[in-house]
């Protein structure tokens, strides 16, 4: 299992737009084949850093997920919203695998 950590640098005055964007992925990501862990918006501390996390079995599953995401109407709408509103300054993806956890 791998987890995709997306680190967003967002406009600090547009947290509401990021939250709208995140909610747009709420149904789309699972429908396209990934296990959505969640999106996290700034609350205290940095007002410019947000995160999105989802898991998949492996990188091959990620490629299939990305193909389905490109064809998903709500996914395309959510992506267009972010482009039009320009509240995301930067987006970085990192793939990690879990090595410890509760009960392990």
C-alpha atoms as a PDB file:
ATOM      1  CA  UNK A   1       0.000   0.000   0.000  1.00  0.00           C
ATOM      2  CA  UNK A   2       1.240   3.492  -0.835  1.00  0.00           C
ATOM      3  CA  UNK A   3      -0.099   6.827   0.315  1.00  0.00           C
ATOM      4  CA  UNK A   4       0.039   9.936  -1.795  1.00  0.00           C
ATOM      5  CA  UNK A   5       0.735  13.022   0.305  1.00  0.00           C
ATOM      6  CA  UNK A   6      -0.084  16.224  -1.558  1.00  0.00           C
ATOM      7  CA  UNK A   7       1.300  19.379  -0.008  1.00  0.00           C
ATOM      8  CA  UNK A   8      -0.415  22.522  -1.224  1.00  0.00           C
ATOM      9  CA  UNK A   9       0.821  26.051  -0.867  1.00  0.00           C
ATOM     10  CA  UNK A  10      -2.355  28.123  -1.002  1.00  0.00           C
ATOM     11  CA  UNK A  11      -3.334  31.772  -0.897  1.00  0.00           C
ATOM     12  CA  UNK A  12      -3.902  32.580   2.799  1.00  0.00           C
ATOM     13  CA  UNK A  13      -7.002  34.641   2.027  1.00  0.00           C
ATOM     14  CA  UNK A  14      -8.561  31.814  -0.037  1.00  0.00           C
ATOM     15  CA  UNK A  15      -8.873  28.999   2.507  1.00  0.00           C
ATOM     16  CA  UNK A  16     -12.602  28.909   1.728  1.00  0.00           C
ATOM     17  CA  UNK A  17     -11.821  28.180  -1.927  1.00  0.00           C
ATOM     18  CA  UNK A  18      -9.441  25.379  -0.921  1.00  0.00           C
ATOM     19  CA  UNK A  19     -12.148  23.862   1.303  1.00  0.00           C
ATOM     20  CA  UNK A  20     -14.610  23.967  -1.622  1.00  0.00           C
ATOM     21  CA  UNK A  21     -11.967  22.305  -3.821  1.00  0.00           C
ATOM     22  CA  UNK A  22     -11.308  19.606  -1.209  1.00  0.00           C
ATOM     23  CA  UNK A  23     -15.003  18.782  -0.881  1.00  0.00           C
ATOM     24  CA  UNK A  24     -15.113  18.362  -4.667  1.00  0.00           C
ATOM     25  CA  UNK A  25     -12.708  15.423  -4.348  1.00  0.00           C
ATOM     26  CA  UNK A  26     -14.671  13.786  -1.524  1.00  0.00           C
ATOM     27  CA  UNK A  27     -16.737  11.508  -3.780  1.00  0.00           C
ATOM     28  CA  UNK A  28     -14.526  11.616  -6.869  1.00  0.00           C
ATOM     29  CA  UNK A  29     -11.355  10.121  -5.418  1.00  0.00           C
ATOM     30  CA  UNK A  30     -13.035   6.976  -4.017  1.00  0.00           C
ATOM     31  CA  UNK A  31     -15.150   6.575  -7.161  1.00  0.00           C
ATOM     32  CA  UNK A  32     -11.975   6.612  -9.249  1.00  0.00           C
ATOM     33  CA  UNK A  33     -10.297   3.919  -7.162  1.00  0.00           C
ATOM     34  CA  UNK A  34      -8.297   5.448  -4.302  1.00  0.00           C
ATOM     35  CA  UNK A  35      -8.962   5.329  -0.559  1.00  0.00           C
ATOM     36  CA  UNK A  36      -9.377   8.948   0.486  1.00  0.00           C
ATOM     37  CA  UNK A  37      -7.823   9.669   3.866  1.00  0.00           C
ATOM     38  CA  UNK A  38      -8.759  13.324   3.728  1.00  0.00           C
ATOM     39  CA  UNK A  39      -7.948  16.904   2.906  1.00  0.00           C
ATOM     40  CA  UNK A  40      -6.616  19.189   5.595  1.00  0.00           C
ATOM     41  CA  UNK A  41      -6.944  22.986   5.534  1.00  0.00           C
ATOM     42  CA  UNK A  42      -5.023  25.480   7.668  1.00  0.00           C
ATOM     43  CA  UNK A  43      -6.393  26.046  11.142  1.00  0.00           C
ATOM     44  CA  UNK A  44      -3.592  27.333  13.369  1.00  0.00           C
ATOM     45  CA  UNK A  45      -0.027  28.226  12.443  1.00  0.00           C
ATOM     46  CA  UNK A  46       0.745  28.511   8.744  1.00  0.00           C
ATOM     47  CA  UNK A  47      -2.192  29.826   6.744  1.00  0.00           C
ATOM     48  CA  UNK A  48      -0.584  28.818   3.468  1.00  0.00           C
ATOM     49  CA  UNK A  49      -0.073  25.056   3.870  1.00  0.00           C
ATOM     50  CA  UNK A  50      -2.745  22.414   3.241  1.00  0.00           C
ATOM     51  CA  UNK A  51      -2.649  18.678   2.569  1.00  0.00           C
ATOM     52  CA  UNK A  52      -4.511  15.952   0.713  1.00  0.00           C
ATOM     53  CA  UNK A  53      -3.917  12.243   1.395  1.00  0.00           C
ATOM     54  CA  UNK A  54      -5.146   9.090  -0.294  1.00  0.00           C
ATOM     55  CA  UNK A  55      -3.925   5.503  -0.545  1.00  0.00           C
ATOM     56  CA  UNK A  56      -3.655   2.957  -3.324  1.00  0.00           C
ATOM     57  CA  UNK A  57      -2.223  -0.570  -3.565  1.00  0.00           C
ATOM     58  CA  UNK A  58       0.767   0.440  -5.742  1.00  0.00           C
ATOM     59  CA  UNK A  59       1.970   2.816  -8.471  1.00  0.00           C
ATOM     60  CA  UNK A  60       0.242   0.798 -11.215  1.00  0.00           C
ATOM     61  CA  UNK A  61      -3.066   1.346  -9.395  1.00  0.00           C
ATOM     62  CA  UNK A  62      -2.178   5.045  -9.162  1.00  0.00           C
ATOM     63  CA  UNK A  63      -1.787   5.233 -12.952  1.00  0.00           C
ATOM     64  CA  UNK A  64      -5.197   3.580 -13.456  1.00  0.00           C
ATOM     65  CA  UNK A  65      -6.715   5.950 -10.876  1.00  0.00           C
ATOM     66  CA  UNK A  66      -5.267   9.004 -12.656  1.00  0.00           C
ATOM     67  CA  UNK A  67      -6.738   7.828 -15.983  1.00  0.00           C
ATOM     68  CA  UNK A  68     -10.195   7.419 -14.410  1.00  0.00           C
ATOM     69  CA  UNK A  69      -9.843  10.793 -12.688  1.00  0.00           C
ATOM     70  CA  UNK A  70      -9.192  12.525 -16.033  1.00  0.00           C
ATOM     71  CA  UNK A  71     -12.455  11.078 -17.384  1.00  0.00           C
ATOM     72  CA  UNK A  72     -14.577  11.848 -14.320  1.00  0.00           C
ATOM     73  CA  UNK A  73     -16.946  14.830 -14.855  1.00  0.00           C
ATOM     74  CA  UNK A  74     -16.769  16.056 -11.246  1.00  0.00           C
ATOM     75  CA  UNK A  75     -12.999  15.581 -11.240  1.00  0.00           C
ATOM     76  CA  UNK A  76     -12.671  17.757 -14.344  1.00  0.00           C
ATOM     77  CA  UNK A  77     -15.004  20.353 -12.788  1.00  0.00           C
ATOM     78  CA  UNK A  78     -13.002  20.443  -9.549  1.00  0.00           C
ATOM     79  CA  UNK A  79      -9.735  20.797 -11.444  1.00  0.00           C
ATOM     80  CA  UNK A  80     -11.181  23.635 -13.574  1.00  0.00           C
ATOM     81  CA  UNK A  81     -12.400  25.384 -10.413  1.00  0.00           C
ATOM     82  CA  UNK A  82      -8.852  25.403  -9.021  1.00  0.00           C
ATOM     83  CA  UNK A  83      -7.441  26.729 -12.291  1.00  0.00           C
ATOM     84  CA  UNK A  84     -10.053  29.482 -12.555  1.00  0.00           C
ATOM     85  CA  UNK A  85      -9.833  30.583  -8.920  1.00  0.00           C
ATOM     86  CA  UNK A  86      -6.003  30.418  -8.732  1.00  0.00           C
ATOM     87  CA  UNK A  87      -5.838  29.803  -4.963  1.00  0.00           C
ATOM     88  CA  UNK A  88      -3.227  27.037  -5.252  1.00  0.00           C
ATOM     89  CA  UNK A  89       0.269  28.515  -5.516  1.00  0.00           C
ATOM     90  CA  UNK A  90       2.121  25.194  -5.560  1.00  0.00           C
ATOM     91  CA  UNK A  91       1.335  21.479  -5.351  1.00  0.00           C
ATOM     92  CA  UNK A  92       3.873  18.769  -4.471  1.00  0.00           C
ATOM     93  CA  UNK A  93       3.221  15.005  -4.428  1.00  0.00           C
ATOM     94  CA  UNK A  94       5.103  12.459  -2.390  1.00  0.00           C
ATOM     95  CA  UNK A  95       4.423   8.716  -2.306  1.00  0.00           C
ATOM     96  CA  UNK A  96       5.148   6.939   0.961  1.00  0.00           C
ATOM     97  CA  UNK A  97       4.605   3.444   2.273  1.00  0.00           C
ATOM     98  CA  UNK A  98       3.516   2.757   5.830  1.00  0.00           C
ATOM     99  CA  UNK A  99       6.060   0.900   7.924  1.00  0.00           C
ATOM    100  CA  UNK A 100       4.564   1.227  11.436  1.00  0.00           C
ATOM    101  CA  UNK A 101       1.198   1.894  12.997  1.00  0.00           C
ATOM    102  CA  UNK A 102      -1.088   1.021  15.841  1.00  0.00           C
ATOM    103  CA  UNK A 103      -0.646  -2.550  16.960  1.00  0.00           C
ATOM    104  CA  UNK A 104       2.391  -3.150  14.780  1.00  0.00           C
END
